[in-house]
Amino acid sequence: LRYQCASFYKRVGPDTVMCYSTGMWSDIPTC
């Protein structure tokens, strides 16, 4: 999944989120 922050917000962290075989998501970004 590719994320993008709304206007007037800056992304912190990765913009790409992946799924692991454990059923857990990789680190998600914050805006």
Full PDB file with SEQRES, HELIX, SHEET, SSBOND, CRYST1, ORIGX, SCALE, CONECT and MASTER records, all heavy atoms in Angstrom:
SEQRES   1 A   31  LEU ARG TYR GLN CYS ALA SER PHE TYR LYS ARG VAL GLY          
SEQRES   2 A   31  PRO ASP THR VAL MET CYS TYR SER THR GLY MET TRP SER          
SEQRES   3 A   31  ASP ILE PRO THR CYS                                          
SSBOND   1 CYS A    5    CYS A   31                          1555   1555  2.14  
CRYST1    1.000    1.000    1.000  90.00  90.00  90.00 P 1           1          
ORIGX1      1.000000  0.000000  0.000000        0.00000                         
ORIGX2      0.000000  1.000000  0.000000        0.00000                         
ORIGX3      0.000000  0.000000  1.000000        0.00000                         
SCALE1      1.000000  0.000000  0.000000        0.00000                         
SCALE2      0.000000  1.000000  0.000000        0.00000                         
SCALE3      0.000000  0.000000  1.000000        0.00000                         
ATOM      1  N   LEU A   1       0.860  -1.173   0.000  1.00  0.00           N  
ATOM      2  CA  LEU A   1       0.000   0.000   0.000  1.00  0.00           C  
ATOM      3  C   LEU A   1       0.904   1.233   0.000  1.00  0.00           C  
ATOM      4  O   LEU A   1       1.927   1.259   0.683  1.00  0.00           O  
ATOM      5  CB  LEU A   1      -0.895   0.032   1.241  1.00  0.00           C  
ATOM      6  CG  LEU A   1      -1.875  -1.130   1.424  1.00  0.00           C  
ATOM      7  CD1 LEU A   1      -2.521  -1.047   2.802  1.00  0.00           C  
ATOM      8  CD2 LEU A   1      -2.945  -1.117   0.342  1.00  0.00           C  
ATOM      9  N   ARG A   2       0.522   2.256  -0.764  1.00  0.00           N  
ATOM     10  CA  ARG A   2       1.298   3.485  -0.825  1.00  0.00           C  
ATOM     11  C   ARG A   2       0.452   4.610  -0.208  1.00  0.00           C  
ATOM     12  O   ARG A   2      -0.684   4.854  -0.622  1.00  0.00           O  
ATOM     13  CB  ARG A   2       1.650   3.814  -2.274  1.00  0.00           C  
ATOM     14  CG  ARG A   2       2.441   5.089  -2.494  1.00  0.00           C  
ATOM     15  CD  ARG A   2       3.820   5.076  -1.897  1.00  0.00           C  
ATOM     16  NE  ARG A   2       4.559   3.858  -2.168  1.00  0.00           N  
ATOM     17  CZ  ARG A   2       5.176   3.595  -3.323  1.00  0.00           C  
ATOM     18  NH1 ARG A   2       5.148   4.455  -4.304  1.00  0.00           N  
ATOM     19  NH2 ARG A   2       5.844   2.469  -3.482  1.00  0.00           N  
ATOM     20  N   TYR A   3       1.015   5.299   0.815  1.00  0.00           N  
ATOM     21  CA  TYR A   3       0.285   6.340   1.530  1.00  0.00           C  
ATOM     22  C   TYR A   3       0.808   7.725   1.162  1.00  0.00           C  
ATOM     23  O   TYR A   3       1.975   7.890   0.780  1.00  0.00           O  
ATOM     24  CB  TYR A   3       0.438   6.135   3.043  1.00  0.00           C  
ATOM     25  CG  TYR A   3      -0.416   5.016   3.609  1.00  0.00           C  
ATOM     26  CD1 TYR A   3       0.026   3.699   3.553  1.00  0.00           C  
ATOM     27  CD2 TYR A   3      -1.652   5.272   4.182  1.00  0.00           C  
ATOM     28  CE1 TYR A   3      -0.748   2.665   4.062  1.00  0.00           C  
ATOM     29  CE2 TYR A   3      -2.432   4.246   4.695  1.00  0.00           C  
ATOM     30  CZ  TYR A   3      -1.977   2.945   4.640  1.00  0.00           C  
ATOM     31  OH  TYR A   3      -2.750   1.922   5.142  1.00  0.00           O  
ATOM     32  N   GLN A   4      -0.078   8.705   1.303  1.00  0.00           N  
ATOM     33  CA  GLN A   4       0.288  10.100   1.082  1.00  0.00           C  
ATOM     34  C   GLN A   4      -0.450  10.960   2.096  1.00  0.00           C  
ATOM     35  O   GLN A   4      -1.636  10.733   2.373  1.00  0.00           O  
ATOM     36  CB  GLN A   4      -0.070  10.533  -0.333  1.00  0.00           C  
ATOM     37  CG  GLN A   4       0.274  11.991  -0.648  1.00  0.00           C  
ATOM     38  CD  GLN A   4      -0.016  12.339  -2.089  1.00  0.00           C  
ATOM     39  OE1 GLN A   4       0.480  11.691  -3.011  1.00  0.00           O  
ATOM     40  NE2 GLN A   4      -0.836  13.357  -2.316  1.00  0.00           N  
ATOM     41  N   CYS A   5       0.258  11.929   2.656  1.00  0.00           N  
ATOM     42  CA  CYS A   5      -0.348  12.800   3.655  1.00  0.00           C  
ATOM     43  C   CYS A   5      -1.164  13.905   2.993  1.00  0.00           C  
ATOM     44  O   CYS A   5      -0.899  14.294   1.856  1.00  0.00           O  
ATOM     45  CB  CYS A   5       0.726  13.408   4.559  1.00  0.00           C  
ATOM     46  SG  CYS A   5       1.568  12.197   5.603  1.00  0.00           S  
ATOM     47  N   ALA A   6      -2.126  14.392   3.729  1.00  0.00           N  
ATOM     48  CA  ALA A   6      -2.971  15.476   3.232  1.00  0.00           C  
ATOM     49  C   ALA A   6      -2.168  16.773   3.156  1.00  0.00           C  
ATOM     50  O   ALA A   6      -1.057  16.877   3.689  1.00  0.00           O  
ATOM     51  CB  ALA A   6      -4.178  15.657   4.144  1.00  0.00           C  
ATOM     52  N   SER A   7      -2.751  17.742   2.477  1.00  0.00           N  
ATOM     53  CA  SER A   7      -2.101  19.038   2.361  1.00  0.00           C  
ATOM     54  C   SER A   7      -1.874  19.631   3.749  1.00  0.00           C  
ATOM     55  O   SER A   7      -2.691  19.457   4.657  1.00  0.00           O  
ATOM     56  CB  SER A   7      -2.970  19.975   1.520  1.00  0.00           C  
ATOM     57  OG  SER A   7      -2.356  21.223   1.347  1.00  0.00           O  
ATOM     58  N   PHE A   8      -0.754  20.324   3.926  1.00  0.00           N  
ATOM     59  CA  PHE A   8      -0.341  20.934   5.180  1.00  0.00           C  
ATOM     60  C   PHE A   8       0.152  19.903   6.196  1.00  0.00           C  
ATOM     61  O   PHE A   8       0.316  20.225   7.372  1.00  0.00           O  
ATOM     62  CB  PHE A   8      -1.471  21.764   5.804  1.00  0.00           C  
ATOM     63  CG  PHE A   8      -1.841  22.988   5.000  1.00  0.00           C  
ATOM     64  CD1 PHE A   8      -2.928  22.966   4.146  1.00  0.00           C  
ATOM     65  CD2 PHE A   8      -1.081  24.138   5.070  1.00  0.00           C  
ATOM     66  CE1 PHE A   8      -3.266  24.074   3.390  1.00  0.00           C  
ATOM     67  CE2 PHE A   8      -1.415  25.252   4.325  1.00  0.00           C  
ATOM     68  CZ  PHE A   8      -2.505  25.226   3.474  1.00  0.00           C  
ATOM     69  N   TYR A   9       0.379  18.656   5.755  1.00  0.00           N  
ATOM     70  CA  TYR A   9       0.938  17.634   6.638  1.00  0.00           C  
ATOM     71  C   TYR A   9       2.147  17.007   5.962  1.00  0.00           C  
ATOM     72  O   TYR A   9       2.202  16.865   4.736  1.00  0.00           O  
ATOM     73  CB  TYR A   9      -0.096  16.559   6.969  1.00  0.00           C  
ATOM     74  CG  TYR A   9      -1.167  17.046   7.937  1.00  0.00           C  
ATOM     75  CD1 TYR A   9      -2.295  17.712   7.464  1.00  0.00           C  
ATOM     76  CD2 TYR A   9      -1.031  16.853   9.301  1.00  0.00           C  
ATOM     77  CE1 TYR A   9      -3.267  18.179   8.339  1.00  0.00           C  
ATOM     78  CE2 TYR A   9      -2.003  17.307  10.182  1.00  0.00           C  
ATOM     79  CZ  TYR A   9      -3.113  17.974   9.698  1.00  0.00           C  
ATOM     80  OH  TYR A   9      -4.081  18.422  10.562  1.00  0.00           O  
ATOM     81  N   LYS A  10       3.120  16.603   6.762  1.00  0.00           N  
ATOM     82  CA  LYS A  10       4.356  16.023   6.270  1.00  0.00           C  
ATOM     83  C   LYS A  10       4.477  14.582   6.741  1.00  0.00           C  
ATOM     84  O   LYS A  10       4.229  14.280   7.906  1.00  0.00           O  
ATOM     85  CB  LYS A  10       5.556  16.836   6.766  1.00  0.00           C  
ATOM     86  CG  LYS A  10       6.900  16.328   6.274  1.00  0.00           C  
ATOM     87  CD  LYS A  10       8.032  17.186   6.823  1.00  0.00           C  
ATOM     88  CE  LYS A  10       9.382  16.694   6.337  1.00  0.00           C  
ATOM     89  NZ  LYS A  10      10.497  17.528   6.886  1.00  0.00           N  
ATOM     90  N   ARG A  11       4.860  13.717   5.802  1.00  0.00           N  
ATOM     91  CA  ARG A  11       4.987  12.297   6.154  1.00  0.00           C  
ATOM     92  C   ARG A  11       6.255  12.048   6.949  1.00  0.00           C  
ATOM     93  O   ARG A  11       7.330  12.523   6.628  1.00  0.00           O  
ATOM     94  CB  ARG A  11       4.996  11.449   4.885  1.00  0.00           C  
ATOM     95  CG  ARG A  11       5.228   9.956   5.154  1.00  0.00           C  
ATOM     96  CD  ARG A  11       5.169   9.161   3.869  1.00  0.00           C  
ATOM     97  NE  ARG A  11       6.044   9.695   2.833  1.00  0.00           N  
ATOM     98  CZ  ARG A  11       7.357   9.456   2.775  1.00  0.00           C  
ATOM     99  NH1 ARG A  11       7.928   8.688   3.688  1.00  0.00           N  
ATOM    100  NH2 ARG A  11       8.068   9.974   1.802  1.00  0.00           N  
ATOM    101  N   VAL A  12       6.112  11.241   8.001  1.00  0.00           N  
ATOM    102  CA  VAL A  12       7.243  10.784   8.803  1.00  0.00           C  
ATOM    103  C   VAL A  12       7.226   9.261   8.773  1.00  0.00           C  
ATOM    104  O   VAL A  12       6.250   8.644   9.176  1.00  0.00           O  
ATOM    105  CB  VAL A  12       7.181  11.298  10.254  1.00  0.00           C  
ATOM    106  CG1 VAL A  12       8.345  10.748  11.062  1.00  0.00           C  
ATOM    107  CG2 VAL A  12       7.174  12.819  10.287  1.00  0.00           C  
ATOM    108  N   GLY A  13       8.306   8.652   8.283  1.00  0.00           N  
ATOM    109  CA  GLY A  13       8.339   7.204   8.168  1.00  0.00           C  
ATOM    110  C   GLY A  13       8.154   6.772   6.725  1.00  0.00           C  
ATOM    111  O   GLY A  13       8.067   7.593   5.805  1.00  0.00           O  
ATOM    112  N   PRO A  14       8.071   5.455   6.485  1.00  0.00           N  
ATOM    113  CA  PRO A  14       7.979   4.936   5.108  1.00  0.00           C  
ATOM    114  C   PRO A  14       6.640   5.261   4.477  1.00  0.00           C  
ATOM    115  O   PRO A  14       5.612   5.342   5.160  1.00  0.00           O  
ATOM    116  CB  PRO A  14       8.157   3.421   5.299  1.00  0.00           C  
ATOM    117  CG  PRO A  14       7.647   3.161   6.678  1.00  0.00           C  
ATOM    118  CD  PRO A  14       8.023   4.355   7.491  1.00  0.00           C  
ATOM    119  N   ASP A  15       6.653   5.459   3.151  1.00  0.00           N  
ATOM    120  CA  ASP A  15       5.389   5.688   2.449  1.00  0.00           C  
ATOM    121  C   ASP A  15       4.776   4.379   1.963  1.00  0.00           C  
ATOM    122  O   ASP A  15       3.626   4.350   1.547  1.00  0.00           O  
ATOM    123  CB  ASP A  15       5.592   6.631   1.259  1.00  0.00           C  
ATOM    124  CG  ASP A  15       6.511   6.042   0.198  1.00  0.00           C  
ATOM    125  OD1 ASP A  15       7.212   5.057   0.504  1.00  0.00           O  
ATOM    126  OD2 ASP A  15       6.525   6.567  -0.927  1.00  0.00           O  
ATOM    127  N   THR A  16       5.559   3.284   2.027  1.00  0.00           N  
ATOM    128  CA  THR A  16       5.095   1.984   1.561  1.00  0.00           C  
ATOM    129  C   THR A  16       4.878   1.044   2.744  1.00  0.00           C  
ATOM    130  O   THR A  16       5.755   0.917   3.605  1.00  0.00           O  
ATOM    131  CB  THR A  16       6.118   1.359   0.591  1.00  0.00           C  
ATOM    132  OG1 THR A  16       6.306   2.254  -0.512  1.00  0.00           O  
ATOM    133  CG2 THR A  16       5.628   0.023   0.073  1.00  0.00           C  
ATOM    134  N   VAL A  17       3.725   0.404   2.786  1.00  0.00           N  
ATOM    135  CA  VAL A  17       3.387  -0.537   3.862  1.00  0.00           C  
ATOM    136  C   VAL A  17       3.164  -1.905   3.240  1.00  0.00           C  
ATOM    137  O   VAL A  17       2.438  -2.037   2.254  1.00  0.00           O  
ATOM    138  CB  VAL A  17       2.130  -0.071   4.626  1.00  0.00           C  
ATOM    139  CG1 VAL A  17       1.740  -1.086   5.691  1.00  0.00           C  
ATOM    140  CG2 VAL A  17       2.373   1.294   5.260  1.00  0.00           C  
ATOM    141  N   MET A  18       3.812  -2.922   3.810  1.00  0.00           N  
ATOM    142  CA  MET A  18       3.717  -4.285   3.292  1.00  0.00           C  
ATOM    143  C   MET A  18       3.125  -5.219   4.333  1.00  0.00           C  
ATOM    144  O   MET A  18       3.058  -4.888   5.518  1.00  0.00           O  
ATOM    145  CB  MET A  18       5.113  -4.769   2.878  1.00  0.00           C  
ATOM    146  CG  MET A  18       5.721  -3.964   1.750  1.00  0.00           C  
ATOM    147  SD  MET A  18       7.491  -4.272   1.540  1.00  0.00           S  
ATOM    148  CE  MET A  18       8.165  -3.375   2.939  1.00  0.00           C  
ATOM    149  N   CYS A  19       2.727  -6.395   3.878  1.00  0.00           N  
ATOM    150  CA  CYS A  19       2.124  -7.405   4.752  1.00  0.00           C  
ATOM    151  C   CYS A  19       3.100  -8.559   4.919  1.00  0.00           C  
ATOM    152  O   CYS A  19       3.645  -9.072   3.945  1.00  0.00           O  
ATOM    153  CB  CYS A  19       0.801  -7.900   4.147  1.00  0.00           C  
ATOM    154  SG  CYS A  19       0.043  -9.262   5.060  1.00  0.00           S  
ATOM    155  N   TYR A  20       3.311  -8.981   6.177  1.00  0.00           N  
ATOM    156  CA  TYR A  20       4.187 -10.106   6.460  1.00  0.00           C  
ATOM    157  C   TYR A  20       3.367 -11.378   6.630  1.00  0.00           C  
ATOM    158  O   TYR A  20       2.163 -11.346   6.931  1.00  0.00           O  
ATOM    159  CB  TYR A  20       5.009  -9.848   7.718  1.00  0.00           C  
ATOM    160  CG  TYR A  20       5.974  -8.683   7.580  1.00  0.00           C  
ATOM    161  CD1 TYR A  20       6.073  -7.711   8.570  1.00  0.00           C  
ATOM    162  CD2 TYR A  20       6.777  -8.553   6.450  1.00  0.00           C  
ATOM    163  CE1 TYR A  20       6.950  -6.647   8.444  1.00  0.00           C  
ATOM    164  CE2 TYR A  20       7.654  -7.501   6.320  1.00  0.00           C  
ATOM    165  CZ  TYR A  20       7.738  -6.551   7.315  1.00  0.00           C  
ATOM    166  OH  TYR A  20       8.610  -5.497   7.174  1.00  0.00           O  
ATOM    167  N   SER A  21       4.049 -12.501   6.457  1.00  0.00           N  
ATOM    168  CA  SER A  21       3.374 -13.789   6.548  1.00  0.00           C  
ATOM    169  C   SER A  21       2.825 -14.064   7.946  1.00  0.00           C  
ATOM    170  O   SER A  21       2.007 -14.959   8.131  1.00  0.00           O  
ATOM    171  CB  SER A  21       4.341 -14.905   6.144  1.00  0.00           C  
ATOM    172  OG  SER A  21       5.503 -14.881   6.963  1.00  0.00           O  
ATOM    173  N   THR A  22       3.259 -13.274   8.928  1.00  0.00           N  
ATOM    174  CA  THR A  22       2.735 -13.422  10.289  1.00  0.00           C  
ATOM    175  C   THR A  22       1.365 -12.764  10.444  1.00  0.00           C  
ATOM    176  O   THR A  22       0.761 -12.842  11.508  1.00  0.00           O  
ATOM    177  CB  THR A  22       3.709 -12.775  11.284  1.00  0.00           C  
ATOM    178  OG1 THR A  22       3.896 -11.395  10.931  1.00  0.00           O  
ATOM    179  CG2 THR A  22       5.052 -13.481  11.268  1.00  0.00           C  
ATOM    180  N   GLY A  23       0.899 -12.086   9.382  1.00  0.00           N  
ATOM    181  CA  GLY A  23      -0.369 -11.372   9.468  1.00  0.00           C  
ATOM    182  C   GLY A  23      -0.222  -9.969  10.008  1.00  0.00           C  
ATOM    183  O   GLY A  23      -1.229  -9.290  10.256  1.00  0.00           O  
ATOM    184  N   MET A  24       1.018  -9.516  10.201  1.00  0.00           N  
ATOM    185  CA  MET A  24       1.285  -8.182  10.736  1.00  0.00           C  
ATOM    186  C   MET A  24       1.684  -7.241   9.600  1.00  0.00           C  
ATOM    187  O   MET A  24       2.333  -7.646   8.634  1.00  0.00           O  
ATOM    188  CB  MET A  24       2.413  -8.242  11.769  1.00  0.00           C  
ATOM    189  CG  MET A  24       2.108  -9.128  12.964  1.00  0.00           C  
ATOM    190  SD  MET A  24       0.841  -8.414  14.041  1.00  0.00           S  
ATOM    191  CE  MET A  24       1.730  -6.995  14.678  1.00  0.00           C  
ATOM    192  N   TRP A  25       1.296  -5.969   9.747  1.00  0.00           N  
ATOM    193  CA  TRP A  25       1.702  -4.951   8.782  1.00  0.00           C  
ATOM    194  C   TRP A  25       3.091  -4.444   9.134  1.00  0.00           C  
ATOM    195  O   TRP A  25       3.480  -4.433  10.312  1.00  0.00           O  
ATOM    196  CB  TRP A  25       0.725  -3.777   8.791  1.00  0.00           C  
ATOM    197  CG  TRP A  25      -0.635  -4.086   8.235  1.00  0.00           C  
ATOM    198  CD1 TRP A  25      -1.771  -4.334   8.933  1.00  0.00           C  
ATOM    199  CD2 TRP A  25      -0.983  -4.189   6.855  1.00  0.00           C  
ATOM    200  NE1 TRP A  25      -2.819  -4.585   8.083  1.00  0.00           N  
ATOM    201  CE2 TRP A  25      -2.369  -4.496   6.792  1.00  0.00           C  
ATOM    202  CE3 TRP A  25      -0.275  -4.043   5.657  1.00  0.00           C  
ATOM    203  CZ2 TRP A  25      -3.049  -4.668   5.599  1.00  0.00           C  
ATOM    204  CZ3 TRP A  25      -0.944  -4.205   4.458  1.00  0.00           C  
ATOM    205  CH2 TRP A  25      -2.322  -4.521   4.440  1.00  0.00           C  
ATOM    206  N   SER A  26       3.839  -4.014   8.132  1.00  0.00           N  
ATOM    207  CA  SER A  26       5.121  -3.359   8.388  1.00  0.00           C  
ATOM    208  C   SER A  26       4.853  -1.988   8.985  1.00  0.00           C  
ATOM    209  O   SER A  26       3.709  -1.561   9.134  1.00  0.00           O  
ATOM    210  CB  SER A  26       5.920  -3.232   7.082  1.00  0.00           C  
ATOM    211  OG  SER A  26       5.250  -2.383   6.165  1.00  0.00           O  
ATOM    212  N   ASP A  27       5.920  -1.284   9.354  1.00  0.00           N  
ATOM    213  CA  ASP A  27       5.767   0.024   9.988  1.00  0.00           C  
ATOM    214  C   ASP A  27       4.947   0.954   9.094  1.00  0.00           C  
ATOM    215  O   ASP A  27       5.175   1.022   7.885  1.00  0.00           O  
ATOM    216  CB  ASP A  27       7.141   0.648  10.255  1.00  0.00           C  
ATOM    217  CG  ASP A  27       7.929  -0.129  11.294  1.00  0.00           C  
ATOM    218  OD1 ASP A  27       7.288  -0.831  12.096  1.00  0.00           O  
ATOM    219  OD2 ASP A  27       9.167  -0.043  11.285  1.00  0.00           O  
ATOM    220  N   ILE A  28       4.018   1.671   9.706  1.00  0.00           N  
ATOM    221  CA  ILE A  28       3.173   2.598   8.951  1.00  0.00           C  
ATOM    222  C   ILE A  28       3.643   4.024   9.194  1.00  0.00           C  
ATOM    223  O   ILE A  28       4.231   4.327  10.244  1.00  0.00           O  
ATOM    224  CB  ILE A  28       1.682   2.441   9.331  1.00  0.00           C  
ATOM    225  CG1 ILE A  28       1.464   2.818  10.793  1.00  0.00           C  
ATOM    226  CG2 ILE A  28       1.201   1.029   9.057  1.00  0.00           C  
ATOM    227  CD1 ILE A  28       0.001   2.841  11.192  1.00  0.00           C  
ATOM    228  N   PRO A  29       3.420   4.917   8.249  1.00  0.00           N  
ATOM    229  CA  PRO A  29       3.864   6.305   8.422  1.00  0.00           C  
ATOM    230  C   PRO A  29       2.919   7.088   9.319  1.00  0.00           C  
ATOM    231  O   PRO A  29       1.797   6.651   9.614  1.00  0.00           O  
ATOM    232  CB  PRO A  29       3.838   6.854   6.996  1.00  0.00           C  
ATOM    233  CG  PRO A  29       2.740   6.075   6.328  1.00  0.00           C  
ATOM    234  CD  PRO A  29       2.795   4.698   6.925  1.00  0.00           C  
ATOM    235  N   THR A  30       3.372   8.231   9.742  1.00  0.00           N  
ATOM    236  CA  THR A  30       2.531   9.186  10.453  1.00  0.00           C  
ATOM    237  C   THR A  30       2.560  10.500   9.688  1.00  0.00           C  
ATOM    238  O   THR A  30       3.526  10.803   8.989  1.00  0.00           O  
ATOM    239  CB  THR A  30       3.021   9.417  11.895  1.00  0.00           C  
ATOM    240  OG1 THR A  30       4.387   9.878  11.858  1.00  0.00           O  
ATOM    241  CG2 THR A  30       2.941   8.137  12.709  1.00  0.00           C  
ATOM    242  N   CYS A  31       1.499  11.266   9.800  1.00  0.00           N  
ATOM    243  CA  CYS A  31       1.398  12.559   9.119  1.00  0.00           C  
ATOM    244  C   CYS A  31       1.477  13.664  10.165  1.00  0.00           C  
ATOM    245  O   CYS A  31       0.549  13.837  10.970  1.00  0.00           O  
ATOM    246  CB  CYS A  31       0.101  12.645   8.315  1.00  0.00           C  
ATOM    247  SG  CYS A  31       0.031  11.503   6.916  1.00  0.00           S  
TER     248      CYS A  31                                                      
CONECT   46  247                                                                
CONECT  247   46                                                                
MASTER        0    0    0    0    0    0    0    6  247    1    2    3          
END                                                                             
